[in-house]
Amino acid sequence: MMLWIIAALVLIGAVVILAWPLLRTNSRGISRHDGGIEVYRQQLTELDRDIADGLMTAGDAEPLQLEIKRRILKMASQGQKSGVPIGGRNIVAILGVLVLIPIGSIAIYAELGSPDQPSKPLASRDIEAEKRALTGVQGADLVARLIEALKAQPDNLEGWVLLAGTLSQMERYREAAETFMKASILSPRDAGLYVGAGENYYFNANGIVDDDAERAFTSALSLDPENPGARYYLALRDAQKGELKTALDRWIILYEESPAEAPFMGILARRISETAEETGTDIGELLTAKQPAKPAPGPDRDDLEAAANMSAEERQQMIVSMVSGLAERMAETPEYDGLMRLGQAYGTLEEYDKSATAYEEAGKLKPQDNAAMAAEAFAHIQAAGASPTPPATAIDLYRKLLATNPDFPQALWYVGVAEMQAGNRQEALTLWQRLQSIAPKDGPLYVTVTRAINSLSAAPEN
């Protein structure tokens, strides 16, 4: 009984609080139109702030400003107060507060909150479905913001990769794959982007390496013949076509050549085991012979916390020190992956000559490796800075790439530039037309090469 008395007192207090504003006169109320006009004024102020911060140009903001000013004039001309006198619609509101809210509250409590009702266990809720719904809402908002940002910065590679990853997490696999392919236009030598596209084509096809996925993985393999993702999925393609022995052989080679601590080794081992059993193949001690290597020392938690408190200059010095340490290790015991990381690190520090040298050393360990060759060529391009003439060292490497991969976009472009500057207009035109034929028509690469072709075609021959 005491519980109901307390509940009644709480309910009466709530009703009084809700009804009190409705019982007051509106002589001092805020005009609806004044409030609306104030909102529009704030919007104008925000637009001015965006222009000042460089987030929007004055030309882009002008139509919005005109529309807001038009609405201010329209609202000001109406000139009516938002307050409704007692005896009008406020009576309906008061009755709702005094009658409907108490009745509704009691009914809801009787259904959901009464001690007489049995408890509803957490297990009866679909928590995973709720998480997916929340992720979908948040993901959709992030996707919308990323798309708007990329409209203003279409050359932002990190933005395209983030958008592709977000779409993949939302299980919008086809869109994710196509976004990875768009990102590959900005970084055509990045085999990982093609692998990302291929995986999402694979997921979109419900676990089948279809034609789209196969093309993406093949492109990745042409750039990086040692890429484990491309090698794994192309072997899976063989298995799905019934060529189990071929697939098993390719997986075994990948397993033997990969480090024991590689994150994909568990999945790869399971594929090998299942396929070996299915084909009756004896693989001996293959899956038990490999033990994870002792992990290389890296920064611990204290190091990370210290780095977070560093100034920009101190953090840069720390990065330089880490790169120097990697360079020393590669000088003592060179290995392909380490040299590729070293080349990338030097590129981040804008030490492009050192970057090219690291990629060259990596290429010596794998002479037929297109990834190292392409990375070295582009490092030479970067080292040349703003020079309109591509370095001869880069062009020689790009010509070698075209010999094994005639559709390598970066090589087609820069060799075309070199041919054009040498006066070989027809050779340049042939290379650029091939590049135009493989570039997506809605991307910046297609626009650039089309302009170059038009300019070359319009220029008179000497």
Protein backbone atom coordinates (compact mmCIF):
# COMPACT_ATOMS: atom_id res chain seq x y z
CA MET A 1 0.00 0.00 0.00
CA MET A 2 2.82 2.39 0.88
CA LEU A 3 4.29 1.82 -2.61
CA TRP A 4 1.06 3.05 -4.24
CA ILE A 5 0.93 6.16 -2.00
CA ILE A 6 4.49 7.09 -2.95
CA ALA A 7 3.73 6.47 -6.62
CA ALA A 8 0.64 8.70 -6.41
CA LEU A 9 2.61 11.55 -4.83
CA VAL A 10 5.31 11.29 -7.49
CA LEU A 11 2.69 11.25 -10.24
CA ILE A 12 0.91 14.33 -8.81
CA GLY A 13 4.22 16.20 -8.65
CA ALA A 14 5.00 15.32 -12.24
CA VAL A 15 1.56 16.45 -13.43
CA VAL A 16 1.92 19.81 -11.65
CA ILE A 17 5.34 20.39 -13.19
CA LEU A 18 4.02 19.61 -16.68
CA ALA A 19 0.81 21.59 -16.33
CA TRP A 20 2.28 24.73 -14.76
CA PRO A 21 3.64 26.28 -17.98
CA LEU A 22 0.26 25.74 -19.64
CA LEU A 23 -1.60 27.52 -16.82
CA ARG A 24 0.59 30.64 -17.12
CA THR A 25 -0.38 33.48 -19.37
CA ASN A 26 1.58 33.95 -22.56
CA SER A 27 2.14 37.67 -22.30
CA ARG A 28 5.80 37.04 -21.65
CA GLY A 29 6.07 34.04 -23.92
CA ILE A 30 8.62 33.89 -26.68
CA SER A 31 7.15 34.58 -30.07
CA ARG A 32 7.26 31.57 -32.32
CA HIS A 33 8.33 33.81 -35.16
CA ASP A 34 11.00 35.50 -33.04
CA GLY A 35 12.35 32.11 -32.07
CA GLY A 36 12.34 30.91 -35.68
CA ILE A 37 14.05 34.08 -36.87
CA GLU A 38 16.74 33.62 -34.20
CA VAL A 39 17.41 30.09 -35.48
CA TYR A 40 17.81 31.39 -39.02
CA ARG A 41 20.16 34.11 -37.79
CA GLN A 42 22.29 31.47 -36.11
CA GLN A 43 22.42 29.55 -39.38
CA LEU A 44 23.67 32.67 -41.16
CA THR A 45 26.33 33.08 -38.48
CA GLU A 46 27.42 29.45 -38.90
CA LEU A 47 27.70 29.91 -42.67
CA ASP A 48 29.89 32.99 -42.13
CA ARG A 49 32.05 30.93 -39.77
CA ASP A 50 32.40 28.10 -42.31
CA ILE A 51 33.50 30.59 -44.97
CA ALA A 52 36.04 32.14 -42.60
CA ASP A 53 37.40 28.68 -41.67
CA GLY A 54 37.74 27.71 -45.32
CA LEU A 55 35.18 24.89 -45.08
CA MET A 56 33.00 26.50 -47.75
CA THR A 57 33.57 29.09 -50.44
CA ALA A 58 31.56 32.30 -50.58
CA GLY A 59 30.12 31.21 -53.92
CA ASP A 60 28.88 27.91 -52.48
CA ALA A 61 27.42 29.64 -49.43
CA GLU A 62 25.58 32.41 -51.33
CA PRO A 63 22.52 30.31 -52.41
CA LEU A 64 22.09 29.06 -48.83
CA GLN A 65 22.34 32.58 -47.44
CA LEU A 66 19.73 33.87 -49.89
CA GLU A 67 17.33 31.06 -49.01
CA ILE A 68 17.73 31.67 -45.25
CA LYS A 69 17.15 35.42 -45.70
CA ARG A 70 14.03 34.70 -47.77
CA ARG A 71 12.65 32.56 -44.95
CA ILE A 72 13.41 35.27 -42.38
CA LEU A 73 11.42 37.81 -44.42
CA LYS A 74 8.53 35.37 -44.84
CA MET A 75 8.38 34.58 -41.13
CA ALA A 76 8.66 38.25 -40.12
CA SER A 77 5.71 39.15 -42.36
CA GLN A 78 3.43 36.69 -40.54
CA GLY A 79 3.96 38.46 -37.16
CA GLN A 80 1.82 36.14 -35.04
CA LYS A 81 2.59 35.02 -31.50
CA SER A 82 3.01 31.35 -30.77
CA GLY A 83 1.21 31.55 -27.40
CA VAL A 84 -2.37 30.22 -27.41
CA PRO A 85 -4.76 31.76 -24.81
CA ILE A 86 -6.29 29.59 -22.12
CA GLY A 87 -9.65 28.43 -23.41
CA GLY A 88 -8.12 27.55 -26.82
CA ARG A 89 -5.81 24.65 -27.56
CA ASN A 90 -4.17 24.98 -24.10
CA ILE A 91 -7.28 23.43 -22.54
CA VAL A 92 -6.73 20.31 -24.62
CA ALA A 93 -3.12 20.21 -23.53
CA ILE A 94 -4.05 20.71 -19.84
CA LEU A 95 -6.65 17.94 -20.01
CA GLY A 96 -4.05 15.70 -21.59
CA VAL A 97 -1.62 16.38 -18.76
CA LEU A 98 -4.21 16.10 -15.95
CA VAL A 99 -6.08 13.05 -17.25
CA LEU A 100 -4.34 11.14 -20.00
CA ILE A 101 -0.82 11.09 -18.55
CA PRO A 102 -1.86 9.64 -15.15
CA ILE A 103 -4.12 7.04 -16.76
CA GLY A 104 -1.51 6.12 -19.36
CA SER A 105 1.24 5.88 -16.74
CA ILE A 106 -0.80 3.57 -14.54
CA ALA A 107 -1.68 1.35 -17.53
CA ILE A 108 1.92 1.08 -18.63
CA TYR A 109 3.11 0.35 -15.12
CA ALA A 110 0.48 -2.33 -14.70
CA GLU A 111 1.79 -4.01 -17.87
CA LEU A 112 5.52 -3.55 -17.47
CA GLY A 113 6.44 -2.44 -13.97
CA SER A 114 4.15 -4.18 -11.56
CA PRO A 115 5.84 -6.47 -9.05
CA ASP A 116 3.17 -9.02 -9.89
CA GLN A 117 4.44 -9.30 -13.45
CA PRO A 118 7.08 -11.98 -14.17
CA SER A 119 10.55 -10.73 -15.03
CA LYS A 120 11.66 -10.65 -18.68
CA PRO A 121 15.12 -12.20 -18.93
CA LEU A 122 17.92 -10.59 -20.91
CA ALA A 123 18.20 -13.77 -22.93
CA SER A 124 14.85 -13.02 -24.55
CA ARG A 125 16.38 -9.95 -26.27
CA ASP A 126 18.23 -10.27 -29.55
CA ILE A 127 21.30 -8.30 -28.48
CA GLU A 128 23.20 -8.99 -31.70
CA ALA A 129 20.30 -7.70 -33.77
CA GLU A 130 20.21 -4.54 -31.66
CA LYS A 131 23.96 -4.07 -32.14
CA ARG A 132 23.61 -4.55 -35.89
CA ALA A 133 20.80 -2.03 -36.03
CA LEU A 134 22.84 0.52 -34.07
CA THR A 135 25.92 -0.14 -36.22
CA GLY A 136 23.82 0.27 -39.34
CA VAL A 137 22.57 3.68 -38.24
CA GLN A 138 26.03 4.87 -37.22
CA GLY A 139 27.59 3.38 -40.34
CA ALA A 140 25.06 5.02 -42.64
CA ASP A 141 25.80 8.39 -41.05
CA LEU A 142 29.56 7.84 -41.44
CA VAL A 143 29.13 6.75 -45.07
CA ALA A 144 27.09 9.88 -45.85
CA ARG A 145 29.72 12.14 -44.27
CA LEU A 146 32.57 10.36 -46.06
CA ILE A 147 30.84 10.66 -49.44
CA GLU A 148 30.32 14.39 -48.92
CA ALA A 149 33.97 14.82 -47.90
CA LEU A 150 35.19 12.87 -50.92
CA LYS A 151 33.16 15.05 -53.25
CA ALA A 152 35.33 17.94 -52.11
CA GLN A 153 38.54 15.86 -51.95
CA PRO A 154 38.31 13.13 -54.60
CA ASP A 155 42.07 12.50 -54.40
CA ASN A 156 41.98 11.58 -50.70
CA LEU A 157 43.14 7.95 -50.79
CA GLU A 158 42.67 7.40 -47.04
CA GLY A 159 39.08 8.62 -47.34
CA TRP A 160 38.27 6.11 -50.10
CA VAL A 161 39.85 3.26 -48.13
CA LEU A 162 37.93 4.25 -44.98
CA LEU A 163 34.69 4.42 -46.98
CA ALA A 164 35.34 0.99 -48.48
CA GLY A 165 36.07 -0.51 -45.07
CA THR A 166 32.91 1.03 -43.58
CA LEU A 167 30.75 -0.29 -46.40
CA SER A 168 32.28 -3.74 -45.92
CA GLN A 169 31.52 -3.71 -42.19
CA MET A 170 27.92 -2.81 -43.06
CA GLU A 171 27.87 -5.85 -45.38
CA ARG A 172 27.38 -3.63 -48.43
CA TYR A 173 29.99 -5.75 -50.15
CA ARG A 174 29.39 -4.77 -53.78
CA GLU A 175 29.68 -1.08 -52.97
CA ALA A 176 32.76 -1.76 -50.84
CA ALA A 177 34.45 -3.64 -53.69
CA GLU A 178 33.75 -0.87 -56.19
CA THR A 179 35.06 1.71 -53.73
CA PHE A 180 38.31 -0.24 -53.32
CA MET A 181 38.62 -0.25 -57.12
CA LYS A 182 38.16 3.53 -57.19
CA ALA A 183 40.88 3.85 -54.55
CA SER A 184 43.21 1.79 -56.77
CA ILE A 185 43.07 4.58 -59.35
CA LEU A 186 44.83 6.87 -56.88
CA SER A 187 47.33 4.18 -55.86
CA PRO A 188 47.57 1.79 -58.82
CA ARG A 189 50.59 -0.07 -57.44
CA ASP A 190 48.91 -1.00 -54.16
CA ALA A 191 48.07 -4.70 -54.46
CA GLY A 192 46.23 -4.55 -51.14
CA LEU A 193 43.48 -2.40 -52.66
CA TYR A 194 42.79 -5.02 -55.32
CA VAL A 195 42.76 -7.74 -52.66
CA GLY A 196 40.27 -5.66 -50.66
CA ALA A 197 38.07 -5.36 -53.74
CA GLY A 198 38.36 -9.08 -54.49
CA GLU A 199 37.43 -10.12 -50.96
CA ASN A 200 34.30 -7.99 -51.03
CA TYR A 201 33.31 -9.35 -54.45
CA TYR A 202 33.83 -12.80 -52.89
CA PHE A 203 31.59 -11.96 -49.91
CA ASN A 204 28.99 -10.43 -52.21
CA ALA A 205 28.88 -13.70 -54.17
CA ASN A 206 28.24 -15.65 -50.95
CA GLY A 207 31.69 -17.19 -50.74
CA ILE A 208 32.32 -17.76 -54.45
CA VAL A 209 35.36 -16.39 -56.29
CA ASP A 210 33.34 -15.04 -59.22
CA ASP A 211 34.65 -13.29 -62.34
CA ASP A 212 34.86 -9.87 -60.65
CA ALA A 213 36.76 -11.27 -57.68
CA GLU A 214 39.08 -13.26 -59.94
CA ARG A 215 39.96 -10.16 -61.99
CA ALA A 216 40.74 -8.19 -58.82
CA PHE A 217 42.94 -10.94 -57.34
CA THR A 218 44.72 -11.42 -60.67
CA SER A 219 45.49 -7.69 -60.77
CA ALA A 220 46.87 -7.89 -57.23
CA LEU A 221 49.04 -10.87 -58.16
CA SER A 222 50.43 -9.07 -61.22
CA LEU A 223 51.55 -6.23 -58.94
CA ASP A 224 52.79 -8.46 -56.15
CA PRO A 225 53.36 -12.11 -57.14
CA GLU A 226 53.96 -12.98 -53.48
CA ASN A 227 50.77 -11.40 -52.14
CA PRO A 228 49.29 -14.02 -49.79
CA GLY A 229 45.70 -12.84 -50.15
CA ALA A 230 45.71 -13.03 -53.93
CA ARG A 231 47.46 -16.41 -53.87
CA TYR A 232 45.02 -17.85 -51.33
CA TYR A 233 41.86 -16.77 -53.14
CA LEU A 234 43.07 -17.77 -56.61
CA ALA A 235 43.81 -21.23 -55.21
CA LEU A 236 40.31 -21.22 -53.72
CA ARG A 237 39.01 -20.42 -57.21
CA ASP A 238 40.76 -23.55 -58.47
CA ALA A 239 39.17 -25.61 -55.70
CA GLN A 240 35.70 -24.26 -56.48
CA LYS A 241 36.20 -25.24 -60.12
CA GLY A 242 36.96 -28.79 -59.04
CA GLU A 243 40.73 -28.54 -59.45
CA LEU A 244 41.39 -29.65 -55.88
CA LYS A 245 44.91 -31.00 -56.42
CA THR A 246 46.04 -27.73 -58.06
CA ALA A 247 44.50 -25.72 -55.23
CA LEU A 248 46.13 -27.93 -52.59
CA ASP A 249 49.57 -27.58 -54.19
CA ARG A 250 49.24 -23.79 -54.28
CA TRP A 251 48.08 -23.62 -50.66
CA ILE A 252 50.94 -25.85 -49.49
CA ILE A 253 53.51 -23.63 -51.23
CA LEU A 254 51.91 -20.54 -49.66
CA TYR A 255 51.97 -22.22 -46.24
CA GLU A 256 55.63 -23.19 -46.55
CA GLU A 257 56.68 -19.71 -47.69
CA SER A 258 54.66 -17.76 -45.10
CA PRO A 259 55.81 -16.89 -41.58
CA ALA A 260 54.29 -19.01 -38.84
CA GLU A 261 52.85 -15.94 -37.08
CA ALA A 262 50.97 -14.68 -40.16
CA PRO A 263 47.31 -14.05 -39.22
CA PHE A 264 45.94 -16.15 -42.09
CA MET A 265 47.86 -19.31 -41.21
CA GLY A 266 45.01 -20.83 -39.21
CA ILE A 267 42.53 -20.55 -42.06
CA LEU A 268 45.13 -21.74 -44.56
CA ALA A 269 45.99 -24.78 -42.43
CA ARG A 270 42.31 -25.72 -42.19
CA ARG A 271 41.91 -25.47 -45.98
CA ILE A 272 44.99 -27.65 -46.51
CA SER A 273 43.81 -30.24 -43.99
CA GLU A 274 40.30 -30.48 -45.43
CA THR A 275 41.47 -30.62 -49.07
CA ALA A 276 44.20 -33.16 -48.30
CA GLU A 277 41.62 -35.40 -46.65
CA GLU A 278 39.21 -34.95 -49.56
CA THR A 279 41.86 -35.84 -52.15
CA GLY A 280 43.56 -38.53 -50.08
CA THR A 281 46.87 -36.65 -50.09
CA ASP A 282 49.49 -37.34 -47.42
CA ILE A 283 50.90 -34.02 -46.23
CA GLY A 284 53.04 -35.55 -43.48
CA GLU A 285 54.05 -33.20 -40.66
CA LEU A 286 53.47 -30.05 -42.71
CA LEU A 287 50.94 -28.49 -40.34
CA THR A 288 52.81 -29.31 -37.12
CA ALA A 289 56.37 -28.48 -38.17
CA LYS A 290 55.91 -24.71 -38.16
CA GLN A 291 56.06 -22.86 -34.84
CA PRO A 292 55.45 -19.12 -34.46
CA ALA A 293 58.68 -17.19 -34.31
CA LYS A 294 59.52 -15.07 -31.29
CA PRO A 295 57.94 -11.68 -31.91
CA ALA A 296 60.29 -8.82 -32.69
CA PRO A 297 60.65 -6.30 -29.87
CA GLY A 298 58.41 -3.31 -30.26
CA PRO A 299 57.14 -0.35 -28.27
CA ASP A 300 55.44 -1.29 -25.01
CA ARG A 301 52.61 0.57 -23.30
CA ASP A 302 54.99 2.97 -21.55
CA ASP A 303 56.59 3.83 -24.90
CA LEU A 304 53.20 4.55 -26.45
CA GLU A 305 52.12 6.73 -23.54
CA ALA A 306 55.41 8.63 -23.71
CA ALA A 307 54.95 9.16 -27.45
CA ALA A 308 51.48 10.55 -26.87
CA ASN A 309 52.94 13.23 -24.60
CA MET A 310 55.71 14.20 -27.01
CA SER A 311 55.80 17.36 -29.05
CA ALA A 312 55.64 17.10 -32.84
CA GLU A 313 59.42 17.56 -33.08
CA GLU A 314 60.12 14.90 -30.46
CA ARG A 315 57.72 12.48 -32.13
CA GLN A 316 59.44 13.08 -35.48
CA GLN A 317 62.81 12.34 -33.89
CA MET A 318 61.40 9.11 -32.46
CA ILE A 319 60.17 8.07 -35.93
CA VAL A 320 63.56 8.85 -37.45
CA SER A 321 65.21 6.77 -34.73
CA MET A 322 62.90 3.81 -35.39
CA VAL A 323 63.54 4.03 -39.15
CA SER A 324 67.28 4.14 -38.48
CA GLY A 325 66.97 1.01 -36.38
CA LEU A 326 65.08 -0.77 -39.16
CA ALA A 327 67.72 0.35 -41.68
CA GLU A 328 70.48 -1.08 -39.50
CA ARG A 329 68.68 -4.42 -39.19
CA MET A 330 68.14 -4.58 -42.96
CA ALA A 331 71.81 -3.81 -43.57
CA GLU A 332 72.80 -6.75 -41.35
CA THR A 333 70.11 -9.26 -42.34
CA PRO A 334 68.17 -8.01 -45.38
CA GLU A 335 64.75 -9.55 -45.99
CA TYR A 336 62.05 -8.61 -48.47
CA ASP A 337 59.21 -7.50 -46.17
CA GLY A 338 61.54 -5.45 -43.98
CA LEU A 339 63.07 -3.67 -46.97
CA MET A 340 59.62 -2.89 -48.37
CA ARG A 341 58.63 -1.40 -44.99
CA LEU A 342 61.87 0.57 -44.94
CA GLY A 343 61.16 1.98 -48.41
CA GLN A 344 57.69 3.02 -47.29
CA ALA A 345 59.06 4.60 -44.11
CA TYR A 346 61.64 6.63 -46.04
CA GLY A 347 58.86 7.74 -48.39
CA THR A 348 56.82 8.94 -45.41
CA LEU A 349 59.85 10.96 -44.30
CA GLU A 350 60.14 12.29 -47.89
CA GLU A 351 63.62 10.80 -48.23
CA TYR A 352 62.78 9.48 -51.67
CA ASP A 353 66.31 8.55 -52.79
CA LYS A 354 66.71 6.30 -49.75
CA SER A 355 63.21 4.95 -50.39
CA ALA A 356 64.16 4.00 -53.95
CA THR A 357 67.34 2.30 -52.72
CA ALA A 358 65.40 0.22 -50.18
CA TYR A 359 62.90 -0.89 -52.83
CA GLU A 360 65.78 -1.72 -55.17
CA GLU A 361 67.34 -3.97 -52.51
CA ALA A 362 63.97 -5.65 -51.97
CA GLY A 363 63.72 -6.24 -55.71
CA LYS A 364 67.11 -7.97 -55.73
CA LEU A 365 65.75 -10.54 -53.29
CA LYS A 366 62.78 -11.16 -55.61
CA PRO A 367 63.94 -10.20 -59.12
CA GLN A 368 60.56 -10.85 -60.72
CA ASP A 369 58.61 -8.91 -58.11
CA ASN A 370 56.48 -6.20 -59.73
CA ALA A 371 55.56 -4.54 -56.42
CA ALA A 372 59.17 -3.68 -55.53
CA MET A 373 59.90 -2.54 -59.08
CA ALA A 374 56.83 -0.28 -59.23
CA ALA A 375 57.57 1.15 -55.78
CA GLU A 376 61.16 1.92 -56.76
CA ALA A 377 60.05 3.60 -60.00
CA PHE A 378 57.55 5.83 -58.21
CA ALA A 379 60.14 6.73 -55.56
CA HIS A 380 62.37 8.02 -58.37
CA ILE A 381 59.40 10.05 -59.66
CA GLN A 382 58.89 11.52 -56.19
CA ALA A 383 62.60 12.29 -55.85
CA ALA A 384 62.39 14.37 -59.05
CA GLY A 385 59.94 16.70 -57.31
CA ALA A 386 58.18 19.18 -59.55
CA SER A 387 60.28 18.34 -62.59
CA PRO A 388 58.01 17.76 -65.61
CA THR A 389 60.47 15.20 -67.02
CA PRO A 390 60.26 11.71 -65.48
CA PRO A 391 63.72 10.39 -64.47
CA ALA A 392 65.28 7.90 -66.86
CA THR A 393 65.69 5.39 -64.01
CA ALA A 394 61.95 5.43 -63.41
CA ILE A 395 61.12 5.11 -67.12
CA ASP A 396 63.45 2.10 -67.50
CA LEU A 397 61.67 0.37 -64.63
CA TYR A 398 58.23 1.23 -65.98
CA ARG A 399 59.18 -0.21 -69.38
CA LYS A 400 60.15 -3.47 -67.66
CA LEU A 401 56.80 -3.47 -65.87
CA LEU A 402 54.94 -3.02 -69.16
CA ALA A 403 56.78 -6.01 -70.57
CA THR A 404 55.14 -8.25 -67.95
CA ASN A 405 51.96 -6.24 -67.32
CA PRO A 406 50.90 -4.21 -70.39
CA ASP A 407 48.00 -2.64 -68.48
CA PHE A 408 49.92 -1.23 -65.52
CA PRO A 409 48.33 2.27 -65.24
CA GLN A 410 51.24 4.16 -63.70
CA ALA A 411 53.69 2.77 -66.26
CA LEU A 412 51.37 3.60 -69.17
CA TRP A 413 51.11 7.20 -67.99
CA TYR A 414 54.77 7.97 -67.27
CA VAL A 415 56.19 6.11 -70.28
CA GLY A 416 53.64 8.02 -72.36
CA VAL A 417 54.94 11.28 -70.90
CA ALA A 418 58.51 10.27 -71.73
CA GLU A 419 57.57 9.35 -75.31
CA MET A 420 55.70 12.62 -75.78
CA GLN A 421 58.66 14.65 -74.51
CA ALA A 422 60.97 12.71 -76.85
CA GLY A 423 58.77 13.72 -79.79
CA ASN A 424 57.27 10.26 -80.27
CA ARG A 425 53.67 11.46 -80.37
CA GLN A 426 52.17 8.29 -81.83
CA GLU A 427 53.81 6.07 -79.21
CA ALA A 428 52.57 8.36 -76.46
CA LEU A 429 49.07 8.39 -77.96
CA THR A 430 49.00 4.58 -78.15
CA LEU A 431 50.02 4.23 -74.48
CA TRP A 432 47.53 6.82 -73.25
CA GLN A 433 44.69 5.38 -75.30
CA ARG A 434 45.35 2.00 -73.70
CA LEU A 435 45.29 3.68 -70.29
CA GLN A 436 42.05 5.45 -71.20
CA SER A 437 40.44 2.14 -72.15
CA ILE A 438 41.10 0.58 -68.71
CA ALA A 439 40.45 3.64 -66.52
CA PRO A 440 36.97 3.92 -64.93
CA LYS A 441 35.03 6.57 -66.83
CA ASP A 442 33.85 8.31 -63.66
CA GLY A 443 37.30 8.66 -62.11
CA PRO A 444 39.98 11.37 -62.09
CA LEU A 445 42.46 9.20 -64.01
CA TYR A 446 40.12 8.95 -66.99
CA VAL A 447 39.62 12.72 -67.01
CA THR A 448 43.37 13.39 -66.83
CA VAL A 449 44.37 10.98 -69.58
CA THR A 450 41.50 12.14 -71.83
CA ARG A 451 42.71 15.72 -71.54
CA ALA A 452 46.25 14.59 -72.37
CA ILE A 453 45.03 12.68 -75.43
CA ASN A 454 42.97 15.62 -76.65
CA SER A 455 45.91 17.98 -76.15
CA LEU A 456 48.28 15.64 -77.96
CA SER A 457 45.82 15.11 -80.82
CA ALA A 458 45.25 18.85 -81.24
CA ALA A 459 48.94 19.79 -81.19
CA PRO A 460 50.54 20.07 -84.68
CA GLU A 461 53.35 17.66 -85.47
CA ASN A 462 56.80 19.18 -85.89
